[in-house]
Protein backbone atom coordinates (compact mmCIF):
# COMPACT_ATOMS: atom_id res chain seq x y z
CA MET A 1 0.48 -18.37 7.03
CA ARG A 2 -3.12 -19.11 6.08
CA VAL A 3 -5.01 -16.40 4.23
CA PRO A 4 -8.63 -16.43 5.41
CA SER A 5 -11.34 -17.21 2.86
CA TRP A 6 -12.92 -13.78 3.39
CA HIS A 7 -9.81 -12.06 2.14
CA HIS A 8 -9.10 -11.49 -1.56
CA CYS A 9 -5.31 -11.13 -1.42
CA SER A 10 -2.78 -13.74 -2.40
CA ARG A 11 0.24 -14.51 -0.27
CA GLU A 12 2.80 -13.75 -2.95
CA PRO A 13 3.82 -10.39 -4.41
CA HIS A 14 2.55 -9.87 -7.92
CA PRO A 15 3.78 -6.56 -9.33
CA SER A 16 2.82 -5.73 -12.90
CA VAL A 17 6.38 -4.72 -13.68
CA THR A 18 9.44 -6.41 -12.31
CA GLY A 19 12.19 -3.90 -12.90
CA LEU A 20 13.27 -0.76 -14.66
CA SER A 21 15.52 -1.67 -17.55
CA ARG A 22 16.25 1.79 -18.99
CA ILE A 23 15.14 5.40 -19.22
CA LYS A 24 15.94 7.33 -22.40
CA PRO A 25 15.41 11.00 -23.30
CA ASN A 26 12.59 11.87 -25.71
CA GLY A 27 12.99 15.61 -26.18
CA ALA A 28 12.32 17.28 -22.82
CA LEU A 29 10.52 14.16 -21.59
CA TYR A 30 11.65 10.58 -20.98
CA THR A 31 10.43 7.14 -21.97
CA ALA A 32 10.85 4.37 -19.42
CA ALA A 33 11.15 0.69 -20.31
CA TYR A 34 10.22 -2.04 -17.83
CA VAL A 35 10.33 -5.81 -17.93
CA GLY A 36 6.77 -7.18 -17.65
CA LEU A 37 5.78 -10.36 -15.83
CA ASN A 38 5.70 -12.32 -19.09
CA GLY A 39 9.21 -11.09 -19.98
CA ALA A 40 7.97 -8.66 -22.64
CA ALA A 41 9.21 -5.08 -22.57
CA VAL A 42 6.70 -2.49 -21.37
CA HIS A 43 7.35 1.06 -22.63
CA THR A 44 5.71 4.12 -21.12
CA THR A 45 4.41 7.04 -23.05
CA PRO A 46 6.78 10.04 -22.76
CA ILE A 47 6.73 11.27 -19.16
CA ALA A 48 8.54 13.81 -17.05
CA ILE A 49 10.63 12.03 -14.43
CA THR A 50 12.07 12.95 -11.09
CA VAL A 51 15.84 13.25 -11.04
CA GLY A 52 17.18 10.73 -8.56
CA ARG A 53 16.25 7.22 -7.57
CA VAL A 54 12.74 6.11 -8.61
CA PRO A 55 11.67 2.64 -7.46
CA ALA A 56 10.66 0.28 -10.29
CA VAL A 57 8.79 -2.01 -7.92
CA MET A 58 6.27 -0.56 -5.50
CA THR A 59 7.32 -0.74 -1.85
CA VAL A 60 4.67 -0.77 0.89
CA TRP A 61 5.01 -0.88 4.67
CA ASN A 62 2.91 -0.19 7.76
CA GLN A 63 3.85 1.48 11.04
CA GLN A 64 2.38 -0.96 13.57
CA HIS A 65 1.90 -4.72 13.62
CA ALA A 66 -0.59 -4.61 16.51
CA VAL A 67 -3.21 -1.86 16.74
CA THR A 68 -5.84 -1.28 19.43
CA GLY A 69 -9.21 -1.27 17.65
CA GLY A 70 -12.33 0.69 18.47
CA ARG A 71 -11.01 4.17 17.70
CA THR A 72 -13.79 6.64 16.91
CA ALA A 73 -11.75 9.84 16.56
CA ALA A 74 -9.90 10.70 13.34
CA CYS A 75 -6.13 10.19 13.21
CA ASP A 76 -3.68 12.98 12.38
CA PRO A 77 -2.74 12.57 8.69
CA ALA A 78 0.53 14.46 9.26
CA LYS A 79 1.97 11.63 11.38
CA GLY A 80 4.84 9.92 9.60
CA ALA A 81 6.95 6.79 9.97
CA ARG A 82 9.16 8.46 12.57
CA SER A 83 6.25 10.02 14.49
CA PRO A 84 5.18 8.57 17.82
CA TYR A 85 2.54 5.88 17.50
CA VAL A 86 -1.01 7.02 18.22
CA PRO A 87 -3.23 4.29 19.75
CA GLY A 88 -5.92 3.08 17.35
CA CYS A 89 -4.18 4.47 14.26
CA GLU A 90 -2.40 2.54 11.50
CA ALA A 91 -0.10 4.42 9.12
CA ILE A 92 0.48 2.96 5.63
CA PHE A 93 3.35 4.12 3.42
CA SER A 94 4.25 3.41 -0.22
CA ASP A 95 6.92 4.37 -2.74
CA TRP A 96 6.56 3.92 -6.49
CA LEU A 97 6.40 6.24 -9.48
CA PRO A 98 5.72 10.00 -9.17
CA ALA A 99 2.12 11.14 -9.78
CA ALA A 100 0.72 7.58 -9.56
CA LYS A 101 -2.81 7.05 -8.24
CA VAL A 102 -2.58 4.70 -5.25
CA THR A 103 -5.43 2.98 -3.39
CA TYR A 104 -4.93 1.52 0.10
CA THR A 105 -7.59 -0.92 1.34
CA LEU A 106 -7.80 -2.33 4.87
CA SER A 107 -10.00 -5.46 5.16
CA TYR A 108 -11.30 -6.86 8.43
CA ALA A 109 -12.75 -10.25 9.38
CA ASP A 110 -16.30 -8.87 9.63
CA CYS A 111 -16.06 -8.01 5.88
CA THR A 112 -15.82 -4.26 6.49
CA THR A 113 -13.18 -2.27 4.64
CA GLN A 114 -11.57 1.14 4.79
CA THR A 115 -10.22 2.69 1.59
CA PHE A 116 -8.05 5.69 0.80
CA THR A 117 -7.02 6.85 -2.69
CA GLY A 118 -4.30 9.43 -3.18
CA THR A 119 -1.60 10.54 -5.61
CA THR A 120 2.11 10.07 -4.99
CA GLY A 121 4.28 13.16 -4.83
CA SER A 122 7.26 14.08 -6.99
CA THR A 123 9.38 11.47 -5.17
CA GLY A 124 6.77 8.73 -5.57
CA HIS A 125 5.92 8.66 -1.83
CA LEU A 126 2.41 8.47 -0.35
CA GLN A 127 1.18 7.87 3.17
CA HIS A 128 -2.16 7.71 4.95
CA VAL A 129 -3.17 7.20 8.57
CA PHE A 130 -6.31 5.14 9.20
CA ALA A 131 -8.42 5.23 12.37
CA VAL A 132 -9.02 1.54 13.15
CA GLY A 133 -12.61 1.33 14.38
CA TYR A 134 -12.89 -2.44 13.96
CA GLN A 135 -13.18 -4.46 17.18
CA PRO A 136 -12.45 -8.21 17.11
CA SER A 137 -14.78 -10.50 19.06
CA LEU A 138 -14.33 -10.92 22.80
CA HIS A 139 -12.87 -14.40 22.36
CA ALA A 140 -10.41 -13.65 19.53
CA THR A 141 -6.78 -14.19 20.38
CA LYS A 142 -3.81 -12.53 18.72
CA GLY A 143 -3.08 -14.10 15.32
CA GLU A 144 -6.53 -15.66 14.84
CA ASP A 145 -8.54 -14.62 11.79
CA PRO A 146 -11.01 -12.40 13.73
CA SER A 147 -8.13 -10.29 15.04
CA THR A 148 -6.20 -10.03 11.76
CA ALA A 149 -6.58 -7.11 9.34
CA TRP A 150 -5.19 -7.13 5.80
CA ILE A 151 -3.72 -4.26 3.78
CA SER A 152 -3.77 -4.37 -0.02
CA VAL A 153 -2.41 -1.66 -2.30
CA VAL A 154 -3.00 -0.98 -6.01
CA ALA A 155 -1.22 1.79 -7.94
CA ILE A 156 -1.72 3.08 -11.47
CA SER A 157 0.82 5.36 -13.16
CA ASN A 158 -0.05 8.21 -15.54
CA ASP A 159 0.52 5.91 -18.51
CA GLY A 160 -1.75 3.17 -17.16
CA THR A 161 0.95 0.83 -15.80
CA GLN A 162 -0.45 -0.96 -12.75
CA ALA A 163 1.36 -2.34 -9.72
CA THR A 164 -0.08 -4.27 -6.78
CA SER A 165 1.60 -5.16 -3.52
CA ALA A 166 1.67 -8.38 -1.61
CA CYS A 167 -0.80 -8.13 1.23
CA LEU A 168 0.44 -6.93 4.58
CA ARG A 169 -1.32 -7.77 7.80
CA PHE A 170 -1.57 -6.45 11.31
CA THR A 171 -3.33 -7.60 14.44
CA VAL A 172 -6.26 -5.67 15.88
CA VAL A 173 -6.35 -5.89 19.67
CA ARG A 174 -9.69 -5.41 21.39
CA LYS A 175 -9.98 -2.12 23.23
CA SER A 176 -10.46 -2.80 26.94
């Protein structure tokens, strides 16, 4: 897979932390320890945590791999992963740490972008539905750079720990 020169994402995942090694009580709060990319331990400031499974590595996925472009109307933000697909809309989902600030960016071949910033809930989940207004050129075929859109995600936890996702892509099909 060739990443086009207009796109800033790398092909490989590059999370800031690679795995949760332990969580220990600190009074009513908890301190989490992660293994950093350089192998050094990364400790959080005391935080309140959600009881249950909290992902140590951010997970990101999108609903559709081919979207009809040219949508001018807004998409329903309440649509979820199990909701019926709405033409011209692309839903992005992520799971990481609770209360993390997450930014989704969609980048298109004409150098336009769409950005959404939100905060994960108590379970670490966030989702957003974008209206894809981009239209590839008349002569673009599926899989060519002009019809490919890229999704990049950056998240920052309350203690400043940052995670980024590998870039996802989807194809934008010209509206007929």
